[in-house]
Structures are given as structure tokens and as C-alpha cells.
PDB file of N, CA and C in Angstrom:
ATOM      1  N   MET A   1       7.710  12.712  -2.257  1.00  0.00           N
ATOM      2  CA  MET A   1       6.798  12.818  -1.240  1.00  0.00           C
ATOM      3  C   MET A   1       7.369  11.950   0.027  1.00  0.00           C
ATOM      4  N   TRP A   2       8.543  11.407  -0.004  1.00  0.00           N
ATOM      5  CA  TRP A   2       8.908  10.776   1.221  1.00  0.00           C
ATOM      6  C   TRP A   2       9.148  11.510   2.462  1.00  0.00           C
ATOM      7  N   ALA A   3       9.830  12.754   2.097  1.00  0.00           N
ATOM      8  CA  ALA A   3       9.995  13.552   3.183  1.00  0.00           C
ATOM      9  C   ALA A   3       8.601  13.913   4.084  1.00  0.00           C
ATOM     10  N   HIS A   4       7.325  13.991   3.121  1.00  0.00           N
ATOM     11  CA  HIS A   4       6.031  14.577   3.882  1.00  0.00           C
ATOM     12  C   HIS A   4       5.309  13.189   4.413  1.00  0.00           C
ATOM     13  N   TYR A   5       5.222  12.097   3.639  1.00  0.00           N
ATOM     14  CA  TYR A   5       4.571  10.792   4.022  1.00  0.00           C
ATOM     15  C   TYR A   5       4.929  10.077   4.719  1.00  0.00           C
ATOM     16  N   ALA A   6       6.321   9.736   4.363  1.00  0.00           N
ATOM     17  CA  ALA A   6       7.022   8.398   5.102  1.00  0.00           C
ATOM     18  C   ALA A   6       7.982   8.942   6.267  1.00  0.00           C
ATOM     19  N   ARG A   7       7.619   9.608   7.278  1.00  0.00           N
ATOM     20  CA  ARG A   7       8.443  10.052   8.121  1.00  0.00           C
ATOM     21  C   ARG A   7       9.867  10.298   7.918  1.00  0.00           C
ATOM     22  N   ASP A   8       9.723  11.388   6.772  1.00  0.00           N
ATOM     23  CA  ASP A   8      11.505  11.640   6.729  1.00  0.00           C
ATOM     24  C   ASP A   8      12.019  10.904   6.247  1.00  0.00           C
ATOM     25  N   HIS A   9      11.770  10.027   4.897  1.00  0.00           N
ATOM     26  CA  HIS A   9      12.661   9.221   4.501  1.00  0.00           C
ATOM     27  C   HIS A   9      12.772   7.942   5.273  1.00  0.00           C
ATOM     28  N   ALA A  10      12.010   7.672   6.552  1.00  0.00           N
ATOM     29  CA  ALA A  10      12.199   6.318   7.263  1.00  0.00           C
ATOM     30  C   ALA A  10      11.084   5.533   6.737  1.00  0.00           C
ATOM     31  N   GLY A  11      10.228   5.668   6.317  1.00  0.00           N
ATOM     32  CA  GLY A  11       8.830   5.005   6.254  1.00  0.00           C
ATOM     33  C   GLY A  11       8.752   4.252   4.834  1.00  0.00           C
ATOM     34  N   PHE A  12       7.819   4.024   4.464  1.00  0.00           N
ATOM     35  CA  PHE A  12       7.527   3.479   3.057  1.00  0.00           C
ATOM     36  C   PHE A  12       6.296   4.018   2.575  1.00  0.00           C
ATOM     37  N   CYS A  13       6.058   4.050   1.298  1.00  0.00           N
ATOM     38  CA  CYS A  13       4.710   4.513   0.624  1.00  0.00           C
ATOM     39  C   CYS A  13       4.101   3.271  -0.088  1.00  0.00           C
ATOM     40  N   ILE A  14       3.156   3.155  -0.418  1.00  0.00           N
ATOM     41  CA  ILE A  14       2.249   2.162  -1.330  1.00  0.00           C
ATOM     42  C   ILE A  14       1.664   2.905  -2.241  1.00  0.00           C
ATOM     43  N   GLU A  15       1.679   2.333  -3.360  1.00  0.00           N
ATOM     44  CA  GLU A  15       0.964   3.057  -4.708  1.00  0.00           C
ATOM     45  C   GLU A  15       0.208   1.761  -5.111  1.00  0.00           C
ATOM     46  N   TYR A  16      -1.342   2.298  -5.211  1.00  0.00           N
ATOM     47  CA  TYR A  16      -2.104   0.943  -5.590  1.00  0.00           C
ATOM     48  C   TYR A  16      -2.681   1.402  -7.408  1.00  0.00           C
ATOM     49  N   ASP A  17      -2.786   0.552  -7.919  1.00  0.00           N
ATOM     50  CA  ASP A  17      -3.287   0.554  -9.487  1.00  0.00           C
ATOM     51  C   ASP A  17      -4.444  -0.178  -9.267  1.00  0.00           C
ATOM     52  N   PHE A  18      -5.685   0.792  -9.556  1.00  0.00           N
ATOM     53  CA  PHE A  18      -6.842   0.298  -9.694  1.00  0.00           C
ATOM     54  C   PHE A  18      -7.519   0.235 -11.041  1.00  0.00           C
ATOM     55  N   THR A  19      -6.636   0.347 -12.117  1.00  0.00           N
ATOM     56  CA  THR A  19      -6.999   0.424 -13.405  1.00  0.00           C
ATOM     57  C   THR A  19      -7.600  -0.983 -13.869  1.00  0.00           C
ATOM     58  N   SER A  20      -7.251  -2.196 -13.306  1.00  0.00           N
ATOM     59  CA  SER A  20      -7.648  -3.081 -13.715  1.00  0.00           C
ATOM     60  C   SER A  20      -8.972  -3.636 -12.906  1.00  0.00           C
ATOM     61  N   LEU A  21      -9.310  -3.152 -12.229  1.00  0.00           N
ATOM     62  CA  LEU A  21     -10.942  -3.266 -11.414  1.00  0.00           C
ATOM     63  C   LEU A  21     -11.830  -2.462 -12.194  1.00  0.00           C
ATOM     64  N   GLY A  22     -11.628  -1.887 -13.205  1.00  0.00           N
ATOM     65  CA  GLY A  22     -12.675  -0.691 -13.902  1.00  0.00           C
ATOM     66  C   GLY A  22     -13.404   0.080 -13.354  1.00  0.00           C
ATOM     67  N   VAL A  23     -14.489   0.748 -13.925  1.00  0.00           N
ATOM     68  CA  VAL A  23     -15.131   1.767 -13.445  1.00  0.00           C
ATOM     69  C   VAL A  23     -16.332   1.619 -12.457  1.00  0.00           C
ATOM     70  N   HIS A  24     -16.566   0.208 -12.777  1.00  0.00           N
ATOM     71  CA  HIS A  24     -17.888  -0.013 -12.273  1.00  0.00           C
ATOM     72  C   HIS A  24     -17.552  -0.808 -10.689  1.00  0.00           C
ATOM     73  N   ASP A  25     -16.264  -1.056 -10.328  1.00  0.00           N
ATOM     74  CA  ASP A  25     -15.871  -1.397  -9.078  1.00  0.00           C
ATOM     75  C   ASP A  25     -15.968  -0.261  -8.208  1.00  0.00           C
ATOM     76  N   LEU A  26     -16.846  -0.588  -7.112  1.00  0.00           N
ATOM     77  CA  LEU A  26     -16.555   0.551  -5.743  1.00  0.00           C
ATOM     78  C   LEU A  26     -15.653   1.194  -5.475  1.00  0.00           C
ATOM     79  N   ASN A  27     -14.565   0.009  -5.332  1.00  0.00           N
ATOM     80  CA  ASN A  27     -13.019   1.042  -4.977  1.00  0.00           C
ATOM     81  C   ASN A  27     -12.597   1.898  -5.897  1.00  0.00           C
ATOM     82  N   THR A  28     -12.969   2.196  -7.272  1.00  0.00           N
ATOM     83  CA  THR A  28     -12.736   3.140  -8.115  1.00  0.00           C
ATOM     84  C   THR A  28     -13.408   3.903  -8.164  1.00  0.00           C
ATOM     85  N   ARG A  29     -14.777   3.874  -7.806  1.00  0.00           N
ATOM     86  CA  ARG A  29     -15.799   4.745  -8.170  1.00  0.00           C
ATOM     87  C   ARG A  29     -15.991   5.764  -7.052  1.00  0.00           C
ATOM     88  N   PHE A  30     -15.390   5.365  -5.837  1.00  0.00           N
ATOM     89  CA  PHE A  30     -15.450   6.382  -4.707  1.00  0.00           C
ATOM     90  C   PHE A  30     -13.669   7.184  -4.630  1.00  0.00           C
ATOM     91  N   MET A  31     -13.228   6.992  -5.947  1.00  0.00           N
ATOM     92  CA  MET A  31     -11.799   7.711  -5.680  1.00  0.00           C
ATOM     93  C   MET A  31     -11.999   9.160  -5.917  1.00  0.00           C
ATOM     94  N   CYS A  32     -11.351   9.960  -5.504  1.00  0.00           N
ATOM     95  CA  CYS A  32     -11.519  11.177  -5.800  1.00  0.00           C
ATOM     96  C   CYS A  32     -10.272  11.996  -6.290  1.00  0.00           C
ATOM     97  N   PRO A  33     -10.180  12.978  -7.192  1.00  0.00           N
ATOM     98  CA  PRO A  33      -8.640  13.533  -7.101  1.00  0.00           C
ATOM     99  C   PRO A  33      -8.542  14.549  -6.298  1.00  0.00           C
ATOM    100  N   ILE A  34      -7.290  14.925  -5.811  1.00  0.00           N
ATOM    101  CA  ILE A  34      -7.033  16.096  -4.802  1.00  0.00           C
ATOM    102  C   ILE A  34      -7.080  17.178  -5.474  1.00  0.00           C
ATOM    103  N   LEU A  35      -7.719  18.194  -4.929  1.00  0.00           N
ATOM    104  CA  LEU A  35      -7.825  19.485  -5.562  1.00  0.00           C
ATOM    105  C   LEU A  35      -7.039  20.650  -4.877  1.00  0.00           C
ATOM    106  N   TYR A  36      -6.282  21.282  -5.590  1.00  0.00           N
ATOM    107  CA  TYR A  36      -5.376  22.322  -4.892  1.00  0.00           C
ATOM    108  C   TYR A  36      -6.078  23.599  -5.303  1.00  0.00           C
ATOM    109  N   SER A  37      -6.291  24.496  -4.120  1.00  0.00           N
ATOM    110  CA  SER A  37      -7.088  25.696  -4.135  1.00  0.00           C
ATOM    111  C   SER A  37      -6.379  26.574  -3.021  1.00  0.00           C
ATOM    112  N   GLU A  38      -6.785  28.040  -3.329  1.00  0.00           N
ATOM    113  CA  GLU A  38      -6.072  29.069  -2.233  1.00  0.00           C
ATOM    114  C   GLU A  38      -7.290  29.072  -1.497  1.00  0.00           C
ATOM    115  N   ILE A  39      -8.562  28.579  -1.903  1.00  0.00           N
ATOM    116  CA  ILE A  39      -9.614  28.679  -0.727  1.00  0.00           C
ATOM    117  C   ILE A  39      -9.878  27.361  -0.056  1.00  0.00           C
ATOM    118  N   LEU A  40      -9.758  27.010   1.143  1.00  0.00           N
ATOM    119  CA  LEU A  40     -10.002  25.821   1.650  1.00  0.00           C
ATOM    120  C   LEU A  40     -11.206  26.043   2.518  1.00  0.00           C
ATOM    121  N   HIS A  41     -12.047  24.764   2.207  1.00  0.00           N
ATOM    122  CA  HIS A  41     -13.604  24.870   2.584  1.00  0.00           C
ATOM    123  C   HIS A  41     -13.489  24.576   4.252  1.00  0.00           C
ATOM    124  N   ALA A  42     -14.615  25.028   5.031  1.00  0.00           N
ATOM    125  CA  ALA A  42     -14.514  24.504   6.655  1.00  0.00           C
ATOM    126  C   ALA A  42     -15.883  24.171   6.302  1.00  0.00           C
ATOM    127  N   HIS A  43     -15.987  22.719   6.693  1.00  0.00           N
ATOM    128  CA  HIS A  43     -17.479  21.904   6.970  1.00  0.00           C
ATOM    129  C   HIS A  43     -18.129  22.669   8.079  1.00  0.00           C
ATOM    130  N   SER A  44     -17.410  22.981   9.208  1.00  0.00           N
ATOM    131  CA  SER A  44     -17.981  23.200  10.808  1.00  0.00           C
ATOM    132  C   SER A  44     -19.192  24.347  10.322  1.00  0.00           C
ATOM    133  N   GLU A  45     -19.234  25.341   9.507  1.00  0.00           N
ATOM    134  CA  GLU A  45     -20.300  26.404   9.314  1.00  0.00           C
ATOM    135  C   GLU A  45     -21.750  25.528   8.819  1.00  0.00           C
ATOM    136  N   HIS A  46     -21.469  24.304   8.276  1.00  0.00           N
ATOM    137  CA  HIS A  46     -22.639  23.468   7.943  1.00  0.00           C
ATOM    138  C   HIS A  46     -23.155  22.925   8.951  1.00  0.00           C
ATOM    139  N   MET A  47     -22.442  22.311  10.192  1.00  0.00           N
ATOM    140  CA  MET A  47     -22.704  21.586  11.102  1.00  0.00           C
ATOM    141  C   MET A  47     -23.686  22.527  12.083  1.00  0.00           C
ATOM    142  N   ILE A  48     -23.485  23.562  11.887  1.00  0.00           N
ATOM    143  CA  ILE A  48     -24.228  24.287  12.971  1.00  0.00           C
ATOM    144  C   ILE A  48     -25.820  24.628  12.721  1.00  0.00           C
ATOM    145  N   ASP A  49     -26.049  24.334  11.435  1.00  0.00           N
ATOM    146  CA  ASP A  49     -27.641  24.405  11.001  1.00  0.00           C
ATOM    147  C   ASP A  49     -28.296  23.241  11.111  1.00  0.00           C
ATOM    148  N   LEU A  50     -29.177  23.488  12.108  1.00  0.00           N
ATOM    149  CA  LEU A  50     -29.683  22.053  12.686  1.00  0.00           C
ATOM    150  C   LEU A  50     -30.880  21.765  11.766  1.00  0.00           C
ATOM    151  N   ASP A  51     -31.270  22.243  10.800  1.00  0.00           N
ATOM    152  CA  ASP A  51     -32.103  21.981   9.608  1.00  0.00           C
ATOM    153  C   ASP A  51     -31.718  21.313   8.713  1.00  0.00           C
ATOM    154  N   ARG A  52     -31.483  19.811   8.655  1.00  0.00           N
ATOM    155  CA  ARG A  52     -30.582  18.940   7.860  1.00  0.00           C
ATOM    156  C   ARG A  52     -31.254  19.042   6.333  1.00  0.00           C
ATOM    157  N   SER A  53     -32.205  19.521   6.176  1.00  0.00           N
ATOM    158  CA  SER A  53     -32.615  19.594   4.673  1.00  0.00           C
ATOM    159  C   SER A  53     -32.163  20.964   4.173  1.00  0.00           C
ATOM    160  N   LYS A  54     -31.480  21.559   4.615  1.00  0.00           N
ATOM    161  CA  LYS A  54     -30.771  22.799   3.904  1.00  0.00           C
ATOM    162  C   LYS A  54     -29.474  22.630   3.797  1.00  0.00           C
ATOM    163  N   VAL A  55     -28.664  21.457   4.275  1.00  0.00           N
ATOM    164  CA  VAL A  55     -27.444  21.121   4.360  1.00  0.00           C
ATOM    165  C   VAL A  55     -27.298  20.340   2.888  1.00  0.00           C
ATOM    166  N   ASN A  56     -26.126  20.690   1.895  1.00  0.00           N
ATOM    167  CA  ASN A  56     -25.646  19.648   1.034  1.00  0.00           C
ATOM    168  C   ASN A  56     -24.835  18.592   1.603  1.00  0.00           C
ATOM    169  N   PRO A  57     -25.038  17.476   1.326  1.00  0.00           N
ATOM    170  CA  PRO A  57     -24.451  16.166   1.982  1.00  0.00           C
ATOM    171  C   PRO A  57     -23.361  16.222   1.108  1.00  0.00           C
ATOM    172  N   LEU A  58     -22.838  16.617  -0.091  1.00  0.00           N
ATOM    173  CA  LEU A  58     -21.656  16.574  -0.725  1.00  0.00           C
ATOM    174  C   LEU A  58     -20.848  17.746  -0.128  1.00  0.00           C
ATOM    175  N   SER A  59     -20.917  18.719   0.617  1.00  0.00           N
ATOM    176  CA  SER A  59     -20.271  19.613   1.308  1.00  0.00           C
ATOM    177  C   SER A  59     -19.223  19.074   2.184  1.00  0.00           C
ATOM    178  N   VAL A  60     -19.671  17.624   2.684  1.00  0.00           N
ATOM    179  CA  VAL A  60     -18.528  17.133   3.520  1.00  0.00           C
ATOM    180  C   VAL A  60     -17.409  16.567   2.719  1.00  0.00           C
ATOM    181  N   GLY A  61     -17.591  16.012   1.412  1.00  0.00           N
ATOM    182  CA  GLY A  61     -16.590  15.834   0.741  1.00  0.00           C
ATOM    183  C   GLY A  61     -15.356  16.651   0.194  1.00  0.00           C
ATOM    184  N   LEU A  62     -15.786  18.054  -0.047  1.00  0.00           N
ATOM    185  CA  LEU A  62     -14.858  18.902  -0.666  1.00  0.00           C
ATOM    186  C   LEU A  62     -13.984  19.488   0.341  1.00  0.00           C
ATOM    187  N   PRO A  63     -13.913  19.446   1.719  1.00  0.00           N
ATOM    188  CA  PRO A  63     -12.589  19.709   2.607  1.00  0.00           C
ATOM    189  C   PRO A  63     -11.943  18.678   2.269  1.00  0.00           C
ATOM    190  N   ALA A  64     -12.397  17.244   2.444  1.00  0.00           N
ATOM    191  CA  ALA A  64     -11.502  16.062   2.422  1.00  0.00           C
ATOM    192  C   ALA A  64     -10.587  15.850   1.216  1.00  0.00           C
ATOM    193  N   ILE A  65     -11.053  16.363   0.061  1.00  0.00           N
ATOM    194  CA  ILE A  65     -10.129  16.528  -1.152  1.00  0.00           C
ATOM    195  C   ILE A  65      -9.465  17.697  -1.566  1.00  0.00           C
ATOM    196  N   THR A  66      -9.376  18.691  -0.580  1.00  0.00           N
ATOM    197  CA  THR A  66      -9.028  19.792  -1.153  1.00  0.00           C
ATOM    198  C   THR A  66      -7.704  20.137  -0.210  1.00  0.00           C
ATOM    199  N   LYS A  67      -6.579  20.543  -0.833  1.00  0.00           N
ATOM    200  CA  LYS A  67      -5.715  21.173  -0.108  1.00  0.00           C
ATOM    201  C   LYS A  67      -5.200  22.213  -0.833  1.00  0.00           C
ATOM    202  N   ASN A  68      -4.011  22.993   0.223  1.00  0.00           N
ATOM    203  CA  ASN A  68      -3.765  24.169  -0.092  1.00  0.00           C
ATOM    204  C   ASN A  68      -2.812  24.002  -1.253  1.00  0.00           C
ATOM    205  N   LYS A  69      -3.142  25.170  -1.984  1.00  0.00           N
ATOM    206  CA  LYS A  69      -2.493  25.477  -3.590  1.00  0.00           C
ATOM    207  C   LYS A  69      -0.716  25.451  -3.312  1.00  0.00           C
ATOM    208  N   GLU A  70      -0.287  25.445  -2.350  1.00  0.00           N
ATOM    209  CA  GLU A  70       1.414  25.561  -2.052  1.00  0.00           C
ATOM    210  C   GLU A  70       1.606  23.910  -2.107  1.00  0.00           C
ATOM    211  N   TRP A  71       0.768  22.995  -1.781  1.00  0.00           N
ATOM    212  CA  TRP A  71       1.049  21.712  -2.016  1.00  0.00           C
ATOM    213  C   TRP A  71       0.977  21.147  -3.611  1.00  0.00           C
ATOM    214  N   SER A  72       0.409  21.916  -4.670  1.00  0.00           N
ATOM    215  CA  SER A  72       0.194  21.585  -5.834  1.00  0.00           C
ATOM    216  C   SER A  72       1.376  20.837  -6.667  1.00  0.00           C
ATOM    217  N   TYR A  73       2.810  21.427  -6.052  1.00  0.00           N
ATOM    218  CA  TYR A  73       4.057  20.304  -6.640  1.00  0.00           C
ATOM    219  C   TYR A  73       3.737  19.121  -6.380  1.00  0.00           C
ATOM    220  N   GLU A  74       3.031  18.322  -5.550  1.00  0.00           N
ATOM    221  CA  GLU A  74       2.817  17.231  -5.245  1.00  0.00           C
ATOM    222  C   GLU A  74       2.444  16.402  -6.645  1.00  0.00           C
ATOM    223  N   LYS A  75       1.546  16.904  -7.431  1.00  0.00           N
ATOM    224  CA  LYS A  75       0.920  16.282  -8.311  1.00  0.00           C
ATOM    225  C   LYS A  75       1.020  16.993  -9.508  1.00  0.00           C
ATOM    226  N   GLY A  76       1.760  17.948  -9.599  1.00  0.00           N
ATOM    227  CA  GLY A  76       1.813  18.959 -11.174  1.00  0.00           C
ATOM    228  C   GLY A  76       0.702  20.265 -10.594  1.00  0.00           C
ATOM    229  N   GLU A  77       0.665  20.985 -11.496  1.00  0.00           N
ATOM    230  CA  GLU A  77      -0.246  22.314 -11.276  1.00  0.00           C
ATOM    231  C   GLU A  77      -1.371  22.040 -11.601  1.00  0.00           C
ATOM    232  N   VAL A  78      -2.703  21.730 -10.864  1.00  0.00           N
ATOM    233  CA  VAL A  78      -4.018  21.517 -10.921  1.00  0.00           C
ATOM    234  C   VAL A  78      -4.757  22.384 -10.101  1.00  0.00           C
ATOM    235  N   SER A  79      -5.156  23.638 -10.532  1.00  0.00           N
ATOM    236  CA  SER A  79      -5.987  24.348  -9.595  1.00  0.00           C
ATOM    237  C   SER A  79      -7.643  24.315  -9.938  1.00  0.00           C
ATOM    238  N   ILE A  80      -8.290  24.474  -8.929  1.00  0.00           N
ATOM    239  CA  ILE A  80      -9.908  24.730  -9.248  1.00  0.00           C
ATOM    240  C   ILE A  80      -9.927  25.942  -9.145  1.00  0.00           C
ATOM    241  N   PHE A  81      -9.394  26.935  -8.340  1.00  0.00           N
ATOM    242  CA  PHE A  81      -9.836  28.552  -8.044  1.00  0.00           C
ATOM    243  C   PHE A  81      -8.629  29.060  -8.683  1.00  0.00           C
TER     244      PHE A  81
END
């Protein structure tokens, strides 16, 4: 992943191990896996609706953790769609 995330081998990457914190720590409770899918979710269509009671608040998170399936080689082949 150096070529993608560390400025073409010129930067550095940091890996964190949160296992010692346990599942009740907020740092680990808000961790989400990256989902690889051919279907990318746009949140902009939900922003148009002014009636906030109709908007699912979880719809904001899905686009943030979804990457195109072409990037699945980063972490093995895991797909949701």
C-alpha cells in the first residue's frame, strides 16, 4: 500500500493495534471495516430531503466505509454486493 498511501514510497504508514483496549473502549467501538462493493453509495440524495425524520442517520456512514471492489486487493477479497 506504500504506492497509494505513502506518497509513492516516500512517506510512511502507521499501523495501530487496538486489541489491548478491549471492546468497551470508544476507540475500538467506533472502528468499522472497509466494505468493497461495485455499488458506491452517494449520500447527497439524502441531503436534499428537508424532512430529517425521513433520513436514516446511518446512511452517512456507509459511503465513508465503502470502496470500489477494484481496491479489494488491499485487504483480500471481501465483498458485500
